[in-house]
């Protein structure tokens, strides 16, 4: 599994509008067929630059799906957000590869 993580700092003046817009943007990314799920999370750290920071984590099953997203869809979807919010947002992207998931086990005494 691969996680395409987009971290966004959004200006307070457009914060609510941006959150509403994300309700359609995230499904648009998922509808490319390259990802199986997405999580929208708030980053709980006060930024020196101000604004609010969020992370969106899109999960892809294979590296090829992630590469296809970059080739076929990423630019168009990124341009949409820049047109809408321009210099009111700052985004950076990282890729993660899931090695193993761990879950709690019941331990009896």
PDB file of N, CA and C in Angstrom:
ATOM      1  N   UNK A   1       0.835  -1.173   0.000  1.00  0.00           N
ATOM      2  CA  UNK A   1       0.000   0.000   0.000  1.00  0.00           C
ATOM      3  C   UNK A   1       0.883   1.240   0.000  1.00  0.00           C
ATOM      4  N   UNK A   2       0.387   2.263  -0.672  1.00  0.00           N
ATOM      5  CA  UNK A   2       1.093   3.540  -0.764  1.00  0.00           C
ATOM      6  C   UNK A   2       0.166   4.650  -0.306  1.00  0.00           C
ATOM      7  N   UNK A   3       0.732   5.591   0.407  1.00  0.00           N
ATOM      8  CA  UNK A   3      -0.039   6.731   0.881  1.00  0.00           C
ATOM      9  C   UNK A   3       0.519   7.993   0.236  1.00  0.00           C
ATOM     10  N   UNK A   4      -0.350   8.703  -0.437  1.00  0.00           N
ATOM     11  CA  UNK A   4      -0.026  10.000  -1.023  1.00  0.00           C
ATOM     12  C   UNK A   4      -0.548  11.025  -0.038  1.00  0.00           C
ATOM     13  N   UNK A   5       0.360  11.691   0.656  1.00  0.00           N
ATOM     14  CA  UNK A   5       0.001  12.630   1.715  1.00  0.00           C
ATOM     15  C   UNK A   5       0.154  14.059   1.206  1.00  0.00           C
ATOM     16  N   UNK A   6      -0.913  14.829   1.333  1.00  0.00           N
ATOM     17  CA  UNK A   6      -0.875  16.242   0.966  1.00  0.00           C
ATOM     18  C   UNK A   6      -1.123  17.039   2.247  1.00  0.00           C
ATOM     19  N   UNK A   7      -0.133  17.837   2.639  1.00  0.00           N
ATOM     20  CA  UNK A   7      -0.256  18.692   3.818  1.00  0.00           C
ATOM     21  C   UNK A   7      -0.503  20.108   3.337  1.00  0.00           C
ATOM     22  N   UNK A   8      -1.556  20.713   3.858  1.00  0.00           N
ATOM     23  CA  UNK A   8      -1.988  22.029   3.393  1.00  0.00           C
ATOM     24  C   UNK A   8      -2.108  22.981   4.574  1.00  0.00           C
ATOM     25  N   UNK A   9      -1.511  24.167   4.430  1.00  0.00           N
ATOM     26  CA  UNK A   9      -1.751  25.248   5.375  1.00  0.00           C
ATOM     27  C   UNK A   9      -2.671  26.233   4.664  1.00  0.00           C
ATOM     28  N   UNK A  10      -3.809  26.508   5.289  1.00  0.00           N
ATOM     29  CA  UNK A  10      -4.813  27.362   4.654  1.00  0.00           C
ATOM     30  C   UNK A  10      -5.051  28.603   5.516  1.00  0.00           C
ATOM     31  N   UNK A  11      -5.104  29.738   4.872  1.00  0.00           N
ATOM     32  CA  UNK A  11      -5.316  31.018   5.550  1.00  0.00           C
ATOM     33  C   UNK A  11      -6.671  31.024   6.263  1.00  0.00           C
ATOM     34  N   UNK A  12      -6.692  31.616   7.441  1.00  0.00           N
ATOM     35  CA  UNK A  12      -7.925  31.689   8.249  1.00  0.00           C
ATOM     36  C   UNK A  12      -9.074  32.355   7.490  1.00  0.00           C
ATOM     37  N   UNK A  13      -8.765  33.309   6.602  1.00  0.00           N
ATOM     38  CA  UNK A  13      -9.819  34.059   5.911  1.00  0.00           C
ATOM     39  C   UNK A  13     -10.630  33.196   4.946  1.00  0.00           C
ATOM     40  N   UNK A  14     -10.068  32.080   4.492  1.00  0.00           N
ATOM     41  CA  UNK A  14     -10.779  31.193   3.562  1.00  0.00           C
ATOM     42  C   UNK A  14     -10.913  29.780   4.113  1.00  0.00           C
ATOM     43  N   UNK A  15     -10.610  29.616   5.370  1.00  0.00           N
ATOM     44  CA  UNK A  15     -10.571  28.291   5.988  1.00  0.00           C
ATOM     45  C   UNK A  15     -11.894  27.535   5.841  1.00  0.00           C
ATOM     46  N   UNK A  16     -13.010  28.150   6.195  1.00  0.00           N
ATOM     47  CA  UNK A  16     -14.308  27.462   6.131  1.00  0.00           C
ATOM     48  C   UNK A  16     -14.692  27.141   4.691  1.00  0.00           C
ATOM     49  N   UNK A  17     -14.441  28.091   3.798  1.00  0.00           N
ATOM     50  CA  UNK A  17     -14.731  27.854   2.374  1.00  0.00           C
ATOM     51  C   UNK A  17     -13.902  26.688   1.851  1.00  0.00           C
ATOM     52  N   UNK A  18     -12.626  26.630   2.244  1.00  0.00           N
ATOM     53  CA  UNK A  18     -11.732  25.557   1.808  1.00  0.00           C
ATOM     54  C   UNK A  18     -12.236  24.202   2.309  1.00  0.00           C
ATOM     55  N   UNK A  19     -12.640  24.121   3.582  1.00  0.00           N
ATOM     56  CA  UNK A  19     -13.146  22.849   4.121  1.00  0.00           C
ATOM     57  C   UNK A  19     -14.373  22.383   3.350  1.00  0.00           C
ATOM     58  N   UNK A  20     -15.262  23.303   3.025  1.00  0.00           N
ATOM     59  CA  UNK A  20     -16.437  22.952   2.228  1.00  0.00           C
ATOM     60  C   UNK A  20     -16.021  22.469   0.847  1.00  0.00           C
ATOM     61  N   UNK A  21     -15.071  23.153   0.224  1.00  0.00           N
ATOM     62  CA  UNK A  21     -14.590  22.767  -1.102  1.00  0.00           C
ATOM     63  C   UNK A  21     -13.950  21.382  -1.070  1.00  0.00           C
ATOM     64  N   UNK A  22     -13.262  21.060   0.011  1.00  0.00           N
ATOM     65  CA  UNK A  22     -12.615  19.744   0.124  1.00  0.00           C
ATOM     66  C   UNK A  22     -13.629  18.607   0.122  1.00  0.00           C
ATOM     67  N   UNK A  23     -14.870  18.891   0.526  1.00  0.00           N
ATOM     68  CA  UNK A  23     -15.919  17.872   0.511  1.00  0.00           C
ATOM     69  C   UNK A  23     -16.213  17.380  -0.907  1.00  0.00           C
ATOM     70  N   UNK A  24     -15.895  18.192  -1.914  1.00  0.00           N
ATOM     71  CA  UNK A  24     -16.043  17.737  -3.305  1.00  0.00           C
ATOM     72  C   UNK A  24     -14.692  17.393  -3.927  1.00  0.00           C
ATOM     73  N   UNK A  25     -13.639  18.077  -3.498  1.00  0.00           N
ATOM     74  CA  UNK A  25     -12.318  17.816  -4.080  1.00  0.00           C
ATOM     75  C   UNK A  25     -11.831  16.396  -3.766  1.00  0.00           C
ATOM     76  N   UNK A  26     -11.944  15.979  -2.521  1.00  0.00           N
ATOM     77  CA  UNK A  26     -11.473  14.640  -2.152  1.00  0.00           C
ATOM     78  C   UNK A  26     -12.210  13.556  -2.945  1.00  0.00           C
ATOM     79  N   UNK A  27     -13.543  13.598  -3.049  1.00  0.00           N
ATOM     80  CA  UNK A  27     -14.211  12.614  -3.908  1.00  0.00           C
ATOM     81  C   UNK A  27     -13.748  12.680  -5.369  1.00  0.00           C
ATOM     82  N   UNK A  28     -13.432  13.876  -5.872  1.00  0.00           N
ATOM     83  CA  UNK A  28     -12.920  13.982  -7.241  1.00  0.00           C
ATOM     84  C   UNK A  28     -11.601  13.243  -7.393  1.00  0.00           C
ATOM     85  N   UNK A  29     -10.739  13.351  -6.395  1.00  0.00           N
ATOM     86  CA  UNK A  29      -9.468  12.612  -6.441  1.00  0.00           C
ATOM     87  C   UNK A  29      -9.746  11.108  -6.378  1.00  0.00           C
ATOM     88  N   UNK A  30     -10.623  10.696  -5.482  1.00  0.00           N
ATOM     89  CA  UNK A  30     -10.952   9.270  -5.368  1.00  0.00           C
ATOM     90  C   UNK A  30     -11.591   8.739  -6.651  1.00  0.00           C
ATOM     91  N   UNK A  31     -12.369   9.577  -7.319  1.00  0.00           N
ATOM     92  CA  UNK A  31     -13.044   9.147  -8.545  1.00  0.00           C
ATOM     93  C   UNK A  31     -12.108   8.968  -9.734  1.00  0.00           C
ATOM     94  N   UNK A  32     -10.830   9.300  -9.568  1.00  0.00           N
ATOM     95  CA  UNK A  32      -9.861   8.985 -10.623  1.00  0.00           C
ATOM     96  C   UNK A  32      -9.649   7.474 -10.716  1.00  0.00           C
ATOM     97  N   UNK A  33     -10.036   6.748  -9.669  1.00  0.00           N
ATOM     98  CA  UNK A  33      -9.866   5.302  -9.653  1.00  0.00           C
ATOM     99  C   UNK A  33      -8.484   4.857  -9.213  1.00  0.00           C
ATOM    100  N   UNK A  34      -7.645   5.798  -8.807  1.00  0.00           N
ATOM    101  CA  UNK A  34      -6.271   5.461  -8.437  1.00  0.00           C
ATOM    102  C   UNK A  34      -6.115   5.167  -6.943  1.00  0.00           C
ATOM    103  N   UNK A  35      -7.095   5.568  -6.137  1.00  0.00           N
ATOM    104  CA  UNK A  35      -6.997   5.424  -4.686  1.00  0.00           C
ATOM    105  C   UNK A  35      -8.209   4.667  -4.152  1.00  0.00           C
ATOM    106  N   UNK A  36      -8.001   3.975  -3.037  1.00  0.00           N
ATOM    107  CA  UNK A  36      -9.093   3.191  -2.446  1.00  0.00           C
ATOM    108  C   UNK A  36      -9.735   3.887  -1.256  1.00  0.00           C
ATOM    109  N   UNK A  37      -9.062   4.907  -0.705  1.00  0.00           N
ATOM    110  CA  UNK A  37      -9.631   5.632   0.425  1.00  0.00           C
ATOM    111  C   UNK A  37      -8.879   6.937   0.624  1.00  0.00           C
ATOM    112  N   UNK A  38      -9.469   7.797   1.453  1.00  0.00           N
ATOM    113  CA  UNK A  38      -8.819   9.061   1.812  1.00  0.00           C
ATOM    114  C   UNK A  38      -9.206   9.417   3.235  1.00  0.00           C
ATOM    115  N   UNK A  39      -8.280  10.066   3.932  1.00  0.00           N
ATOM    116  CA  UNK A  39      -8.532  10.572   5.283  1.00  0.00           C
ATOM    117  C   UNK A  39      -8.161  12.041   5.308  1.00  0.00           C
ATOM    118  N   UNK A  40      -9.046  12.862   5.840  1.00  0.00           N
ATOM    119  CA  UNK A  40      -8.777  14.282   6.044  1.00  0.00           C
ATOM    120  C   UNK A  40      -8.552  14.481   7.536  1.00  0.00           C
ATOM    121  N   UNK A  41      -7.378  14.990   7.898  1.00  0.00           N
ATOM    122  CA  UNK A  41      -7.050  15.184   9.309  1.00  0.00           C
ATOM    123  C   UNK A  41      -6.570  16.608   9.542  1.00  0.00           C
ATOM    124  N   UNK A  42      -6.817  17.102  10.740  1.00  0.00           N
ATOM    125  CA  UNK A  42      -6.301  18.405  11.136  1.00  0.00           C
ATOM    126  C   UNK A  42      -4.976  18.190  11.858  1.00  0.00           C
ATOM    127  N   UNK A  43      -3.971  18.959  11.499  1.00  0.00           N
ATOM    128  CA  UNK A  43      -2.674  18.902  12.163  1.00  0.00           C
ATOM    129  C   UNK A  43      -2.770  19.760  13.412  1.00  0.00           C
ATOM    130  N   UNK A  44      -2.496  19.164  14.558  1.00  0.00           N
ATOM    131  CA  UNK A  44      -2.706  19.837  15.839  1.00  0.00           C
ATOM    132  C   UNK A  44      -1.438  20.512  16.339  1.00  0.00           C
ATOM    133  N   UNK A  45      -0.882  21.365  15.500  1.00  0.00           N
ATOM    134  CA  UNK A  45       0.306  22.137  15.844  1.00  0.00           C
ATOM    135  C   UNK A  45       0.053  23.578  15.432  1.00  0.00           C
ATOM    136  N   UNK A  46       0.356  24.518  16.314  1.00  0.00           N
ATOM    137  CA  UNK A  46       0.230  25.924  15.943  1.00  0.00           C
ATOM    138  C   UNK A  46       1.371  26.288  15.012  1.00  0.00           C
ATOM    139  N   UNK A  47       1.040  26.817  13.857  1.00  0.00           N
ATOM    140  CA  UNK A  47       2.034  27.196  12.868  1.00  0.00           C
ATOM    141  C   UNK A  47       2.503  28.625  13.101  1.00  0.00           C
ATOM    142  N   UNK A  48       3.793  28.856  13.007  1.00  0.00           N
ATOM    143  CA  UNK A  48       4.332  30.211  13.123  1.00  0.00           C
ATOM    144  C   UNK A  48       3.746  31.122  12.053  1.00  0.00           C
ATOM    145  N   UNK A  49       3.483  30.555  10.874  1.00  0.00           N
ATOM    146  CA  UNK A  49       2.959  31.330   9.754  1.00  0.00           C
ATOM    147  C   UNK A  49       1.481  31.647   9.912  1.00  0.00           C
ATOM    148  N   UNK A  50       0.829  31.040  10.914  1.00  0.00           N
ATOM    149  CA  UNK A  50      -0.596  31.232  11.097  1.00  0.00           C
ATOM    150  C   UNK A  50      -1.381  30.254  10.245  1.00  0.00           C
ATOM    151  N   UNK A  51      -2.663  30.489  10.145  1.00  0.00           N
ATOM    152  CA  UNK A  51      -3.517  29.609   9.378  1.00  0.00           C
ATOM    153  C   UNK A  51      -3.777  28.299  10.089  1.00  0.00           C
ATOM    154  N   UNK A  52      -4.463  27.415   9.400  1.00  0.00           N
ATOM    155  CA  UNK A  52      -4.748  26.075   9.915  1.00  0.00           C
ATOM    156  C   UNK A  52      -4.108  25.076   8.966  1.00  0.00           C
ATOM    157  N   UNK A  53      -3.640  23.974   9.528  1.00  0.00           N
ATOM    158  CA  UNK A  53      -2.952  22.973   8.718  1.00  0.00           C
ATOM    159  C   UNK A  53      -3.713  21.657   8.759  1.00  0.00           C
ATOM    160  N   UNK A  54      -3.808  21.041   7.592  1.00  0.00           N
ATOM    161  CA  UNK A  54      -4.505  19.768   7.433  1.00  0.00           C
ATOM    162  C   UNK A  54      -3.626  18.811   6.638  1.00  0.00           C
ATOM    163  N   UNK A  55      -3.933  17.538   6.784  1.00  0.00           N
ATOM    164  CA  UNK A  55      -3.282  16.507   5.995  1.00  0.00           C
ATOM    165  C   UNK A  55      -4.368  15.655   5.360  1.00  0.00           C
ATOM    166  N   UNK A  56      -4.221  15.396   4.069  1.00  0.00           N
ATOM    167  CA  UNK A  56      -5.113  14.469   3.385  1.00  0.00           C
ATOM    168  C   UNK A  56      -4.255  13.286   2.966  1.00  0.00           C
ATOM    169  N   UNK A  57      -4.669  12.104   3.371  1.00  0.00           N
ATOM    170  CA  UNK A  57      -3.923  10.893   3.044  1.00  0.00           C
ATOM    171  C   UNK A  57      -4.761  10.018   2.134  1.00  0.00           C
ATOM    172  N   UNK A  58      -4.279   9.871   0.892  1.00  0.00           N
ATOM    173  CA  UNK A  58      -4.937   9.035  -0.100  1.00  0.00           C
ATOM    174  C   UNK A  58      -4.182   7.708  -0.166  1.00  0.00           C
ATOM    175  N   UNK A  59      -4.903   6.601  -0.102  1.00  0.00           N
ATOM    176  CA  UNK A  59      -4.271   5.283  -0.118  1.00  0.00           C
ATOM    177  C   UNK A  59      -4.425   4.636  -1.489  1.00  0.00           C
ATOM    178  N   UNK A  60      -3.284   4.234  -2.053  1.00  0.00           N
ATOM    179  CA  UNK A  60      -3.249   3.506  -3.322  1.00  0.00           C
ATOM    180  C   UNK A  60      -2.771   2.081  -3.040  1.00  0.00           C
ATOM    181  N   UNK A  61      -3.293   1.137  -3.790  1.00  0.00           N
ATOM    182  CA  UNK A  61      -2.913  -0.252  -3.589  1.00  0.00           C
ATOM    183  C   UNK A  61      -1.523  -0.539  -4.141  1.00  0.00           C
ATOM    184  N   UNK A  62      -1.182   0.070  -5.288  1.00  0.00           N
ATOM    185  CA  UNK A  62       0.099  -0.217  -5.932  1.00  0.00           C
ATOM    186  C   UNK A  62       0.845   1.070  -6.273  1.00  0.00           C
ATOM    187  N   UNK A  63       2.129   0.939  -6.480  1.00  0.00           N
ATOM    188  CA  UNK A  63       2.960   2.063  -6.913  1.00  0.00           C
ATOM    189  C   UNK A  63       2.515   2.540  -8.299  1.00  0.00           C
ATOM    190  N   UNK A  64       2.101   1.603  -9.133  1.00  0.00           N
ATOM    191  CA  UNK A  64       1.660   1.941 -10.483  1.00  0.00           C
ATOM    192  C   UNK A  64       0.437   2.851 -10.456  1.00  0.00           C
ATOM    193  N   UNK A  65      -0.482   2.595  -9.531  1.00  0.00           N
ATOM    194  CA  UNK A  65      -1.663   3.461  -9.418  1.00  0.00           C
ATOM    195  C   UNK A  65      -1.258   4.882  -9.037  1.00  0.00           C
ATOM    196  N   UNK A  66      -0.314   4.994  -8.124  1.00  0.00           N
ATOM    197  CA  UNK A  66       0.166   6.313  -7.725  1.00  0.00           C
ATOM    198  C   UNK A  66       0.856   7.010  -8.898  1.00  0.00           C
ATOM    199  N   UNK A  67       1.705   6.282  -9.611  1.00  0.00           N
ATOM    200  CA  UNK A  67       2.379   6.848 -10.791  1.00  0.00           C
ATOM    201  C   UNK A  67       1.371   7.271 -11.845  1.00  0.00           C
ATOM    202  N   UNK A  68       0.336   6.463 -12.059  1.00  0.00           N
ATOM    203  CA  UNK A  68      -0.699   6.813 -13.032  1.00  0.00           C
ATOM    204  C   UNK A  68      -1.443   8.073 -12.611  1.00  0.00           C
ATOM    205  N   UNK A  69      -1.673   8.242 -11.317  1.00  0.00           N
ATOM    206  CA  UNK A  69      -2.312   9.460 -10.824  1.00  0.00           C
ATOM    207  C   UNK A  69      -1.476  10.681 -11.206  1.00  0.00           C
ATOM    208  N   UNK A  70      -0.170  10.593 -10.978  1.00  0.00           N
ATOM    209  CA  UNK A  70       0.714  11.713 -11.343  1.00  0.00           C
ATOM    210  C   UNK A  70       0.645  12.003 -12.842  1.00  0.00           C
ATOM    211  N   UNK A  71       0.671  10.970 -13.656  1.00  0.00           N
ATOM    212  CA  UNK A  71       0.691  11.141 -15.113  1.00  0.00           C
ATOM    213  C   UNK A  71      -0.636  11.652 -15.659  1.00  0.00           C
ATOM    214  N   UNK A  72      -1.741  11.160 -15.104  1.00  0.00           N
ATOM    215  CA  UNK A  72      -3.044  11.386 -15.723  1.00  0.00           C
ATOM    216  C   UNK A  72      -3.927  12.427 -15.027  1.00  0.00           C
ATOM    217  N   UNK A  73      -3.732  12.657 -13.734  1.00  0.00           N
ATOM    218  CA  UNK A  73      -4.726  13.430 -12.995  1.00  0.00           C
ATOM    219  C   UNK A  73      -4.193  14.559 -12.120  1.00  0.00           C
ATOM    220  N   UNK A  74      -3.010  14.407 -11.569  1.00  0.00           N
ATOM    221  CA  UNK A  74      -2.521  15.303 -10.515  1.00  0.00           C
ATOM    222  C   UNK A  74      -2.511  16.771 -10.937  1.00  0.00           C
ATOM    223  N   UNK A  75      -1.946  17.054 -12.092  1.00  0.00           N
ATOM    224  CA  UNK A  75      -1.798  18.452 -12.500  1.00  0.00           C
ATOM    225  C   UNK A  75      -3.147  19.160 -12.581  1.00  0.00           C
ATOM    226  N   UNK A  76      -4.113  18.527 -13.223  1.00  0.00           N
ATOM    227  CA  UNK A  76      -5.441  19.131 -13.376  1.00  0.00           C
ATOM    228  C   UNK A  76      -6.070  19.419 -12.012  1.00  0.00           C
ATOM    229  N   UNK A  77      -5.996  18.465 -11.099  1.00  0.00           N
ATOM    230  CA  UNK A  77      -6.617  18.641  -9.787  1.00  0.00           C
ATOM    231  C   UNK A  77      -5.872  19.667  -8.935  1.00  0.00           C
ATOM    232  N   UNK A  78      -4.558  19.732  -9.066  1.00  0.00           N
ATOM    233  CA  UNK A  78      -3.781  20.724  -8.322  1.00  0.00           C
ATOM    234  C   UNK A  78      -4.049  22.130  -8.841  1.00  0.00           C
ATOM    235  N   UNK A  79      -4.189  22.271 -10.147  1.00  0.00           N
ATOM    236  CA  UNK A  79      -4.479  23.580 -10.734  1.00  0.00           C
ATOM    237  C   UNK A  79      -5.832  24.101 -10.251  1.00  0.00           C
ATOM    238  N   UNK A  80      -6.805  23.212 -10.106  1.00  0.00           N
ATOM    239  CA  UNK A  80      -8.126  23.624  -9.603  1.00  0.00           C
ATOM    240  C   UNK A  80      -8.000  24.285  -8.237  1.00  0.00           C
ATOM    241  N   UNK A  81      -7.201  23.689  -7.351  1.00  0.00           N
ATOM    242  CA  UNK A  81      -7.069  24.267  -6.006  1.00  0.00           C
ATOM    243  C   UNK A  81      -6.307  25.583  -6.044  1.00  0.00           C
ATOM    244  N   UNK A  82      -5.316  25.689  -6.918  1.00  0.00           N
ATOM    245  CA  UNK A  82      -4.575  26.947  -7.038  1.00  0.00           C
ATOM    246  C   UNK A  82      -5.455  28.062  -7.589  1.00  0.00           C
ATOM    247  N   UNK A  83      -6.284  27.742  -8.568  1.00  0.00           N
ATOM    248  CA  UNK A  83      -7.201  28.746  -9.122  1.00  0.00           C
ATOM    249  C   UNK A  83      -8.163  29.248  -8.047  1.00  0.00           C
ATOM    250  N   UNK A  84      -8.618  28.350  -7.208  1.00  0.00           N
ATOM    251  CA  UNK A  84      -9.630  28.695  -6.204  1.00  0.00           C
ATOM    252  C   UNK A  84      -9.030  29.439  -5.014  1.00  0.00           C
ATOM    253  N   UNK A  85      -7.835  29.008  -4.546  1.00  0.00           N
ATOM    254  CA  UNK A  85      -7.302  29.555  -3.302  1.00  0.00           C
ATOM    255  C   UNK A  85      -5.946  30.239  -3.434  1.00  0.00           C
ATOM    256  N   UNK A  86      -5.276  30.063  -4.552  1.00  0.00           N
ATOM    257  CA  UNK A  86      -4.031  30.776  -4.859  1.00  0.00           C
ATOM    258  C   UNK A  86      -3.067  30.901  -3.707  1.00  0.00           C
ATOM    259  N   UNK A  87      -2.719  32.138  -3.364  1.00  0.00           N
ATOM    260  CA  UNK A  87      -1.712  32.374  -2.329  1.00  0.00           C
ATOM    261  C   UNK A  87      -2.282  32.270  -0.919  1.00  0.00           C
ATOM    262  N   UNK A  88      -3.526  31.841  -0.797  1.00  0.00           N
ATOM    263  CA  UNK A  88      -4.139  31.645   0.529  1.00  0.00           C
ATOM    264  C   UNK A  88      -3.843  30.247   1.079  1.00  0.00           C
ATOM    265  N   UNK A  89      -3.167  29.423   0.277  1.00  0.00           N
ATOM    266  CA  UNK A  89      -2.830  28.085   0.740  1.00  0.00           C
ATOM    267  C   UNK A  89      -1.416  27.713   0.322  1.00  0.00           C
ATOM    268  N   UNK A  90      -0.825  26.872   1.120  1.00  0.00           N
ATOM    269  CA  UNK A  90       0.498  26.336   0.833  1.00  0.00           C
ATOM    270  C   UNK A  90       0.404  24.832   1.015  1.00  0.00           C
ATOM    271  N   UNK A  91       0.810  24.067   0.003  1.00  0.00           N
ATOM    272  CA  UNK A  91       0.699  22.607   0.073  1.00  0.00           C
ATOM    273  C   UNK A  91       2.045  21.969  -0.230  1.00  0.00           C
ATOM    274  N   UNK A  92       2.317  20.873   0.457  1.00  0.00           N
ATOM    275  CA  UNK A  92       3.443  20.042   0.061  1.00  0.00           C
ATOM    276  C   UNK A  92       3.018  18.586   0.139  1.00  0.00           C
ATOM    277  N   UNK A  93       3.654  17.796  -0.694  1.00  0.00           N
ATOM    278  CA  UNK A  93       3.241  16.412  -0.881  1.00  0.00           C
ATOM    279  C   UNK A  93       4.372  15.455  -0.529  1.00  0.00           C
ATOM    280  N   UNK A  94       3.995  14.343   0.090  1.00  0.00           N
ATOM    281  CA  UNK A  94       4.959  13.284   0.384  1.00  0.00           C
ATOM    282  C   UNK A  94       4.333  11.949   0.027  1.00  0.00           C
ATOM    283  N   UNK A  95       5.177  10.985  -0.230  1.00  0.00           N
ATOM    284  CA  UNK A  95       4.737   9.621  -0.508  1.00  0.00           C
ATOM    285  C   UNK A  95       5.226   8.720   0.613  1.00  0.00           C
ATOM    286  N   UNK A  96       4.369   7.816   1.022  1.00  0.00           N
ATOM    287  CA  UNK A  96       4.710   6.861   2.067  1.00  0.00           C
ATOM    288  C   UNK A  96       4.401   5.462   1.563  1.00  0.00           C
ATOM    289  N   UNK A  97       5.221   4.508   1.948  1.00  0.00           N
ATOM    290  CA  UNK A  97       4.943   3.110   1.626  1.00  0.00           C
ATOM    291  C   UNK A  97       4.668   2.384   2.928  1.00  0.00           C
ATOM    292  N   UNK A  98       3.503   1.761   3.017  1.00  0.00           N
ATOM    293  CA  UNK A  98       3.121   1.036   4.220  1.00  0.00           C
ATOM    294  C   UNK A  98       3.943  -0.244   4.311  1.00  0.00           C
ATOM    295  N   UNK A  99       4.650  -0.405   5.408  1.00  0.00           N
ATOM    296  CA  UNK A  99       5.442  -1.610   5.637  1.00  0.00           C
ATOM    297  C   UNK A  99       4.588  -2.666   6.331  1.00  0.00           C
ATOM    298  N   UNK A 100       3.964  -2.280   7.427  1.00  0.00           N
ATOM    299  CA  UNK A 100       3.153  -3.226   8.194  1.00  0.00           C
ATOM    300  C   UNK A 100       2.236  -2.443   9.120  1.00  0.00           C
ATOM    301  N   UNK A 101       1.036  -2.952   9.298  1.00  0.00           N
ATOM    302  CA  UNK A 101       0.114  -2.350  10.257  1.00  0.00           C
ATOM    303  C   UNK A 101       0.088  -3.213  11.509  1.00  0.00           C
ATOM    304  N   UNK A 102       0.019  -2.557  12.655  1.00  0.00           N
ATOM    305  CA  UNK A 102      -0.044  -3.254  13.928  1.00  0.00           C
ATOM    306  C   UNK A 102      -1.347  -2.908  14.632  1.00  0.00           C
ATOM    307  N   UNK A 103      -1.900  -3.877  15.317  1.00  0.00           N
ATOM    308  CA  UNK A 103      -3.130  -3.690  16.058  1.00  0.00           C
ATOM    309  C   UNK A 103      -2.927  -4.206  17.473  1.00  0.00           C
ATOM    310  N   UNK A 104      -3.665  -3.675  18.442  1.00  0.00           N
ATOM    311  CA  UNK A 104      -3.493  -4.151  19.806  1.00  0.00           C
ATOM    312  C   UNK A 104      -3.954  -5.610  19.920  1.00  0.00           C
ATOM    313  N   UNK A 105      -3.297  -6.314  20.797  1.00  0.00           N
ATOM    314  CA  UNK A 105      -3.702  -7.687  21.074  1.00  0.00           C
ATOM    315  C   UNK A 105      -4.229  -7.746  22.505  1.00  0.00           C
ATOM    316  N   UNK A 106      -5.134  -8.637  22.739  1.00  0.00           N
ATOM    317  CA  UNK A 106      -5.646  -8.819  24.096  1.00  0.00           C
ATOM    318  C   UNK A 106      -4.628  -9.607  24.902  1.00  0.00           C
ATOM    319  N   UNK A 107      -4.178  -9.020  25.983  1.00  0.00           N
ATOM    320  CA  UNK A 107      -3.199  -9.666  26.832  1.00  0.00           C
ATOM    321  C   UNK A 107      -3.876 -10.047  28.144  1.00  0.00           C
ATOM    322  N   UNK A 108      -3.878 -11.326  28.463  1.00  0.00           N
ATOM    323  CA  UNK A 108      -4.486 -11.797  29.714  1.00  0.00           C
ATOM    324  C   UNK A 108      -3.413 -11.971  30.763  1.00  0.00           C
ATOM    325  N   UNK A 109      -3.760 -11.640  31.998  1.00  0.00           N
ATOM    326  CA  UNK A 109      -2.816 -11.837  33.110  1.00  0.00           C
ATOM    327  C   UNK A 109      -3.118 -13.113  33.835  1.00  0.00           C
TER     328      UNK A 109
END
